[in-house]
Amino acid sequence: LSLRGLVLRAFGLSTLLECAQGLFSIGTFDV
């Protein structure tokens, strides 16, 4: 795995979790 590939995956999963917090109102989105 390249560093770029890892960064895209980590950023993607983090974005999914942050958006889920906002969608379900169980936390706040924080960039």
All heavy atoms as atom14 arrays in JSON, in Angstrom:
{
  "sequence": "LSLRGLVLRAFGLSTLLECAQGLFSIGTFDV",
  "atom14_mask": [
    [1, 1, 1, 1, 1, 1, 1, 1, 0, 0, 0, 0, 0, 0],
    [1, 1, 1, 1, 1, 1, 0, 0, 0, 0, 0, 0, 0, 0],
    [1, 1, 1, 1, 1, 1, 1, 1, 0, 0, 0, 0, 0, 0],
    [1, 1, 1, 1, 1, 1, 1, 1, 1, 1, 1, 0, 0, 0],
    [1, 1, 1, 1, 0, 0, 0, 0, 0, 0, 0, 0, 0, 0],
    [1, 1, 1, 1, 1, 1, 1, 1, 0, 0, 0, 0, 0, 0],
    [1, 1, 1, 1, 1, 1, 1, 0, 0, 0, 0, 0, 0, 0],
    [1, 1, 1, 1, 1, 1, 1, 1, 0, 0, 0, 0, 0, 0],
    [1, 1, 1, 1, 1, 1, 1, 1, 1, 1, 1, 0, 0, 0],
    [1, 1, 1, 1, 1, 0, 0, 0, 0, 0, 0, 0, 0, 0],
    [1, 1, 1, 1, 1, 1, 1, 1, 1, 1, 1, 0, 0, 0],
    [1, 1, 1, 1, 0, 0, 0, 0, 0, 0, 0, 0, 0, 0],
    [1, 1, 1, 1, 1, 1, 1, 1, 0, 0, 0, 0, 0, 0],
    [1, 1, 1, 1, 1, 1, 0, 0, 0, 0, 0, 0, 0, 0],
    [1, 1, 1, 1, 1, 1, 1, 0, 0, 0, 0, 0, 0, 0],
    [1, 1, 1, 1, 1, 1, 1, 1, 0, 0, 0, 0, 0, 0],
    [1, 1, 1, 1, 1, 1, 1, 1, 0, 0, 0, 0, 0, 0],
    [1, 1, 1, 1, 1, 1, 1, 1, 1, 0, 0, 0, 0, 0],
    [1, 1, 1, 1, 1, 1, 0, 0, 0, 0, 0, 0, 0, 0],
    [1, 1, 1, 1, 1, 0, 0, 0, 0, 0, 0, 0, 0, 0],
    [1, 1, 1, 1, 1, 1, 1, 1, 1, 0, 0, 0, 0, 0],
    [1, 1, 1, 1, 0, 0, 0, 0, 0, 0, 0, 0, 0, 0],
    [1, 1, 1, 1, 1, 1, 1, 1, 0, 0, 0, 0, 0, 0],
    [1, 1, 1, 1, 1, 1, 1, 1, 1, 1, 1, 0, 0, 0],
    [1, 1, 1, 1, 1, 1, 0, 0, 0, 0, 0, 0, 0, 0],
    [1, 1, 1, 1, 1, 1, 1, 1, 0, 0, 0, 0, 0, 0],
    [1, 1, 1, 1, 0, 0, 0, 0, 0, 0, 0, 0, 0, 0],
    [1, 1, 1, 1, 1, 1, 1, 0, 0, 0, 0, 0, 0, 0],
    [1, 1, 1, 1, 1, 1, 1, 1, 1, 1, 1, 0, 0, 0],
    [1, 1, 1, 1, 1, 1, 1, 1, 0, 0, 0, 0, 0, 0],
    [1, 1, 1, 1, 1, 1, 1, 0, 0, 0, 0, 0, 0, 0]
  ],
  "atom14_positions": [
    [[0.83, -1.19, 0.0], [0.0, 0.0, 0.0], [0.87, 1.25, 0.0], [1.84, 1.34, 0.75], [-0.9, 0.0, 1.25], [-1.84, 1.18, 1.43], [-2.94, 1.14, 0.37], [-2.43, 1.16, 2.81], [0.0, 0.0, 0.0], [0.0, 0.0, 0.0], [0.0, 0.0, 0.0], [0.0, 0.0, 0.0], [0.0, 0.0, 0.0], [0.0, 0.0, 0.0]],
    [[0.51, 2.21, -0.83], [1.26, 3.47, -0.87], [0.74, 4.41, 0.22], [-0.39, 4.24, 0.72], [1.1, 4.14, -2.23], [-0.23, 4.6, -2.4], [0.0, 0.0, 0.0], [0.0, 0.0, 0.0], [0.0, 0.0, 0.0], [0.0, 0.0, 0.0], [0.0, 0.0, 0.0], [0.0, 0.0, 0.0], [0.0, 0.0, 0.0], [0.0, 0.0, 0.0]],
    [[1.53, 5.39, 0.56], [1.1, 6.39, 1.54], [-0.14, 7.11, 1.02], [-1.08, 7.35, 1.77], [2.23, 7.4, 1.82], [1.87, 8.54, 2.78], [1.45, 8.0, 4.14], [3.03, 9.51, 2.92], [0.0, 0.0, 0.0], [0.0, 0.0, 0.0], [0.0, 0.0, 0.0], [0.0, 0.0, 0.0], [0.0, 0.0, 0.0], [0.0, 0.0, 0.0]],
    [[-0.15, 7.42, -0.24], [-1.31, 8.09, -0.85], [-2.57, 7.24, -0.7], [-3.64, 7.74, -0.35], [-1.04, 8.38, -2.32], [-2.18, 9.08, -3.01], [-1.8, 9.43, -4.44], [-2.89, 10.14, -5.05], [-3.37, 9.85, -6.24], [-2.83, 8.89, -6.96], [-4.37, 10.53, -6.75], [0.0, 0.0, 0.0], [0.0, 0.0, 0.0], [0.0, 0.0, 0.0]],
    [[-2.45, 5.95, -0.96], [-3.58, 5.05, -0.82], [-4.09, 5.0, 0.61], [-5.29, 4.98, 0.87], [0.0, 0.0, 0.0], [0.0, 0.0, 0.0], [0.0, 0.0, 0.0], [0.0, 0.0, 0.0], [0.0, 0.0, 0.0], [0.0, 0.0, 0.0], [0.0, 0.0, 0.0], [0.0, 0.0, 0.0], [0.0, 0.0, 0.0], [0.0, 0.0, 0.0]],
    [[-3.16, 5.0, 1.56], [-3.55, 4.99, 2.97], [-4.23, 6.29, 3.35], [-5.26, 6.28, 4.03], [-2.3, 4.75, 3.85], [-2.53, 4.71, 5.36], [-2.56, 5.97, 6.08], [-3.49, 3.66, 5.75], [0.0, 0.0, 0.0], [0.0, 0.0, 0.0], [0.0, 0.0, 0.0], [0.0, 0.0, 0.0], [0.0, 0.0, 0.0], [0.0, 0.0, 0.0]],
    [[-3.69, 7.42, 2.91], [-4.27, 8.72, 3.24], [-5.71, 8.8, 2.71], [-6.61, 9.25, 3.42], [-3.4, 9.88, 2.69], [-4.14, 11.2, 2.72], [-2.1, 9.98, 3.48], [0.0, 0.0, 0.0], [0.0, 0.0, 0.0], [0.0, 0.0, 0.0], [0.0, 0.0, 0.0], [0.0, 0.0, 0.0], [0.0, 0.0, 0.0], [0.0, 0.0, 0.0]],
    [[-5.92, 8.34, 1.49], [-7.27, 8.37, 0.91], [-8.23, 7.5, 1.71], [-9.37, 7.88, 1.97], [-7.24, 7.92, -0.55], [-6.59, 8.9, -1.52], [-6.45, 8.26, -2.9], [-7.38, 10.2, -1.61], [0.0, 0.0, 0.0], [0.0, 0.0, 0.0], [0.0, 0.0, 0.0], [0.0, 0.0, 0.0], [0.0, 0.0, 0.0], [0.0, 0.0, 0.0]],
    [[-7.78, 6.33, 2.14], [-8.63, 5.43, 2.92], [-8.94, 5.99, 4.31], [-10.07, 5.96, 4.78], [-7.98, 4.06, 3.03], [-8.05, 3.25, 1.74], [-7.15, 2.01, 1.84], [-7.22, 1.17, 0.68], [-6.55, 1.36, -0.45], [-5.73, 2.41, -0.57], [-6.67, 0.52, -1.47], [0.0, 0.0, 0.0], [0.0, 0.0, 0.0], [0.0, 0.0, 0.0]],
    [[-7.92, 6.51, 4.99], [-8.12, 7.06, 6.33], [-9.02, 8.29, 6.27], [-9.94, 8.44, 7.09], [-6.77, 7.41, 6.96], [0.0, 0.0, 0.0], [0.0, 0.0, 0.0], [0.0, 0.0, 0.0], [0.0, 0.0, 0.0], [0.0, 0.0, 0.0], [0.0, 0.0, 0.0], [0.0, 0.0, 0.0], [0.0, 0.0, 0.0], [0.0, 0.0, 0.0]],
    [[-8.78, 9.15, 5.31], [-9.6, 10.34, 5.15], [-11.04, 9.96, 4.82], [-11.99, 10.54, 5.35], [-9.02, 11.26, 4.06], [-9.73, 12.57, 3.92], [-9.47, 13.6, 4.81], [-10.67, 12.76, 2.92], [-10.14, 14.82, 4.69], [-11.34, 13.97, 2.79], [-11.07, 15.0, 3.68], [0.0, 0.0, 0.0], [0.0, 0.0, 0.0], [0.0, 0.0, 0.0]],
    [[-11.21, 8.97, 3.96], [-12.55, 8.51, 3.58], [-13.32, 7.94, 4.75], [-14.49, 8.28, 4.96], [0.0, 0.0, 0.0], [0.0, 0.0, 0.0], [0.0, 0.0, 0.0], [0.0, 0.0, 0.0], [0.0, 0.0, 0.0], [0.0, 0.0, 0.0], [0.0, 0.0, 0.0], [0.0, 0.0, 0.0], [0.0, 0.0, 0.0], [0.0, 0.0, 0.0]],
    [[-12.69, 7.08, 5.55], [-13.36, 6.51, 6.71], [-13.68, 7.59, 7.74], [-14.77, 7.61, 8.31], [-12.51, 5.4, 7.34], [-13.11, 4.74, 8.58], [-14.47, 4.1, 8.28], [-12.14, 3.7, 9.14], [0.0, 0.0, 0.0], [0.0, 0.0, 0.0], [0.0, 0.0, 0.0], [0.0, 0.0, 0.0], [0.0, 0.0, 0.0], [0.0, 0.0, 0.0]],
    [[-12.75, 8.49, 7.96], [-12.98, 9.58, 8.91], [-14.13, 10.46, 8.44], [-14.98, 10.86, 9.25], [-11.7, 10.4, 9.06], [-11.88, 11.42, 10.01], [0.0, 0.0, 0.0], [0.0, 0.0, 0.0], [0.0, 0.0, 0.0], [0.0, 0.0, 0.0], [0.0, 0.0, 0.0], [0.0, 0.0, 0.0], [0.0, 0.0, 0.0], [0.0, 0.0, 0.0]],
    [[-14.19, 10.75, 7.15], [-15.29, 11.56, 6.6], [-16.62, 10.85, 6.79], [-17.62, 11.48, 7.18], [-15.05, 11.85, 5.1], [-13.81, 12.55, 4.96], [-16.17, 12.68, 4.5], [0.0, 0.0, 0.0], [0.0, 0.0, 0.0], [0.0, 0.0, 0.0], [0.0, 0.0, 0.0], [0.0, 0.0, 0.0], [0.0, 0.0, 0.0], [0.0, 0.0, 0.0]],
    [[-16.65, 9.55, 6.55], [-17.87, 8.77, 6.76], [-18.34, 8.88, 8.21], [-19.53, 9.13, 8.48], [-17.62, 7.3, 6.39], [-18.76, 6.34, 6.72], [-19.84, 6.44, 5.65], [-18.23, 4.93, 6.81], [0.0, 0.0, 0.0], [0.0, 0.0, 0.0], [0.0, 0.0, 0.0], [0.0, 0.0, 0.0], [0.0, 0.0, 0.0], [0.0, 0.0, 0.0]],
    [[-17.42, 8.72, 9.14], [-17.78, 8.78, 10.56], [-18.22, 10.18, 10.99], [-19.18, 10.33, 11.74], [-16.6, 8.3, 11.42], [-16.32, 6.8, 11.33], [-14.95, 6.47, 11.92], [-17.4, 6.0, 12.0], [0.0, 0.0, 0.0], [0.0, 0.0, 0.0], [0.0, 0.0, 0.0], [0.0, 0.0, 0.0], [0.0, 0.0, 0.0], [0.0, 0.0, 0.0]],
    [[-17.52, 11.2, 10.51], [-17.9, 12.58, 10.86], [-19.26, 12.94, 10.29], [-20.08, 13.57, 10.97], [-16.84, 13.57, 10.35], [-15.54, 13.55, 11.12], [-15.7, 13.96, 12.57], [-16.29, 15.03, 12.85], [-15.24, 13.21, 13.45], [0.0, 0.0, 0.0], [0.0, 0.0, 0.0], [0.0, 0.0, 0.0], [0.0, 0.0, 0.0], [0.0, 0.0, 0.0]],
    [[-19.53, 12.53, 9.05], [-20.83, 12.8, 8.45], [-21.94, 12.03, 9.17], [-23.04, 12.56, 9.36], [-20.82, 12.46, 6.96], [-19.84, 13.61, 5.97], [0.0, 0.0, 0.0], [0.0, 0.0, 0.0], [0.0, 0.0, 0.0], [0.0, 0.0, 0.0], [0.0, 0.0, 0.0], [0.0, 0.0, 0.0], [0.0, 0.0, 0.0], [0.0, 0.0, 0.0]],
    [[-21.65, 10.81, 9.58], [-22.64, 10.01, 10.32], [-22.98, 10.68, 11.65], [-24.14, 10.68, 12.06], [-22.11, 8.6, 10.54], [0.0, 0.0, 0.0], [0.0, 0.0, 0.0], [0.0, 0.0, 0.0], [0.0, 0.0, 0.0], [0.0, 0.0, 0.0], [0.0, 0.0, 0.0], [0.0, 0.0, 0.0], [0.0, 0.0, 0.0], [0.0, 0.0, 0.0]],
    [[-21.98, 11.26, 12.3], [-22.25, 11.97, 13.56], [-23.24, 13.11, 13.33], [-24.16, 13.32, 14.11], [-20.96, 12.55, 14.15], [-20.07, 11.54, 14.8], [-18.88, 12.21, 15.46], [-18.92, 12.5, 16.63], [-17.84, 12.46, 14.69], [0.0, 0.0, 0.0], [0.0, 0.0, 0.0], [0.0, 0.0, 0.0], [0.0, 0.0, 0.0], [0.0, 0.0, 0.0]],
    [[-23.03, 13.84, 12.24], [-23.94, 14.94, 11.93], [-25.31, 14.45, 11.5], [-26.33, 14.98, 11.95], [0.0, 0.0, 0.0], [0.0, 0.0, 0.0], [0.0, 0.0, 0.0], [0.0, 0.0, 0.0], [0.0, 0.0, 0.0], [0.0, 0.0, 0.0], [0.0, 0.0, 0.0], [0.0, 0.0, 0.0], [0.0, 0.0, 0.0], [0.0, 0.0, 0.0]],
    [[-25.36, 13.44, 10.67], [-26.62, 12.92, 10.16], [-27.49, 12.36, 11.27], [-28.7, 12.58, 11.31], [-26.36, 11.83, 9.11], [-27.57, 11.21, 8.45], [-28.31, 12.24, 7.62], [-27.15, 10.03, 7.58], [0.0, 0.0, 0.0], [0.0, 0.0, 0.0], [0.0, 0.0, 0.0], [0.0, 0.0, 0.0], [0.0, 0.0, 0.0], [0.0, 0.0, 0.0]],
    [[-26.86, 11.64, 12.2], [-27.61, 11.03, 13.3], [-27.7, 11.94, 14.53], [-28.25, 11.54, 15.56], [-26.99, 9.69, 13.7], [-27.14, 8.61, 12.66], [-26.03, 8.12, 11.99], [-28.38, 8.1, 12.35], [-26.17, 7.12, 11.04], [-28.53, 7.1, 11.41], [-27.42, 6.61, 10.74], [0.0, 0.0, 0.0], [0.0, 0.0, 0.0], [0.0, 0.0, 0.0]],
    [[-27.12, 13.13, 14.45], [-27.11, 14.08, 15.58], [-26.55, 13.44, 16.84], [-27.11, 13.57, 17.93], [-28.53, 14.61, 15.86], [-29.0, 15.32, 14.75], [0.0, 0.0, 0.0], [0.0, 0.0, 0.0], [0.0, 0.0, 0.0], [0.0, 0.0, 0.0], [0.0, 0.0, 0.0], [0.0, 0.0, 0.0], [0.0, 0.0, 0.0], [0.0, 0.0, 0.0]],
    [[-25.43, 12.76, 16.7], [-24.8, 12.12, 17.86], [-23.37, 12.63, 18.04], [-22.53, 11.95, 18.6], [-24.83, 10.57, 17.74], [-24.31, 10.11, 16.38], [-26.21, 10.05, 17.99], [-24.3, 8.61, 16.19], [0.0, 0.0, 0.0], [0.0, 0.0, 0.0], [0.0, 0.0, 0.0], [0.0, 0.0, 0.0], [0.0, 0.0, 0.0], [0.0, 0.0, 0.0]],
    [[-23.13, 13.8, 17.57], [-21.83, 14.43, 17.66], [-21.83, 15.59, 16.69], [-22.85, 15.87, 16.06], [0.0, 0.0, 0.0], [0.0, 0.0, 0.0], [0.0, 0.0, 0.0], [0.0, 0.0, 0.0], [0.0, 0.0, 0.0], [0.0, 0.0, 0.0], [0.0, 0.0, 0.0], [0.0, 0.0, 0.0], [0.0, 0.0, 0.0], [0.0, 0.0, 0.0]],
    [[-20.72, 16.26, 16.58], [-20.65, 17.37, 15.64], [-19.55, 17.11, 14.62], [-18.53, 16.5, 14.92], [-20.35, 18.7, 16.35], [-19.15, 18.56, 17.12], [-21.49, 19.12, 17.25], [0.0, 0.0, 0.0], [0.0, 0.0, 0.0], [0.0, 0.0, 0.0], [0.0, 0.0, 0.0], [0.0, 0.0, 0.0], [0.0, 0.0, 0.0], [0.0, 0.0, 0.0]],
    [[-19.8, 17.57, 13.41], [-18.81, 17.46, 12.35], [-17.68, 18.43, 12.66], [-17.91, 19.6, 12.95], [-19.43, 17.8, 11.0], [-18.47, 17.66, 9.86], [-18.4, 16.47, 9.16], [-17.63, 18.69, 9.49], [-17.51, 16.31, 8.1], [-16.74, 18.55, 8.45], [-16.68, 17.36, 7.75], [0.0, 0.0, 0.0], [0.0, 0.0, 0.0], [0.0, 0.0, 0.0]],
    [[-16.44, 17.94, 12.6], [-15.27, 18.79, 12.83], [-14.22, 18.43, 11.8], [-13.69, 17.31, 11.8], [-14.74, 18.59, 14.24], [-13.67, 19.6, 14.63], [-13.06, 20.22, 13.72], [-13.43, 19.77, 15.84], [0.0, 0.0, 0.0], [0.0, 0.0, 0.0], [0.0, 0.0, 0.0], [0.0, 0.0, 0.0], [0.0, 0.0, 0.0], [0.0, 0.0, 0.0]],
    [[-13.9, 19.37, 10.93], [-12.92, 19.12, 9.88], [-11.55, 18.8, 10.48], [-10.77, 18.04, 9.9], [-12.85, 20.32, 8.89], [-12.21, 21.53, 9.52], [-12.14, 19.94, 7.61], [0.0, 0.0, 0.0], [0.0, 0.0, 0.0], [0.0, 0.0, 0.0], [0.0, 0.0, 0.0], [0.0, 0.0, 0.0], [0.0, 0.0, 0.0], [0.0, 0.0, 0.0]]
  ]
}
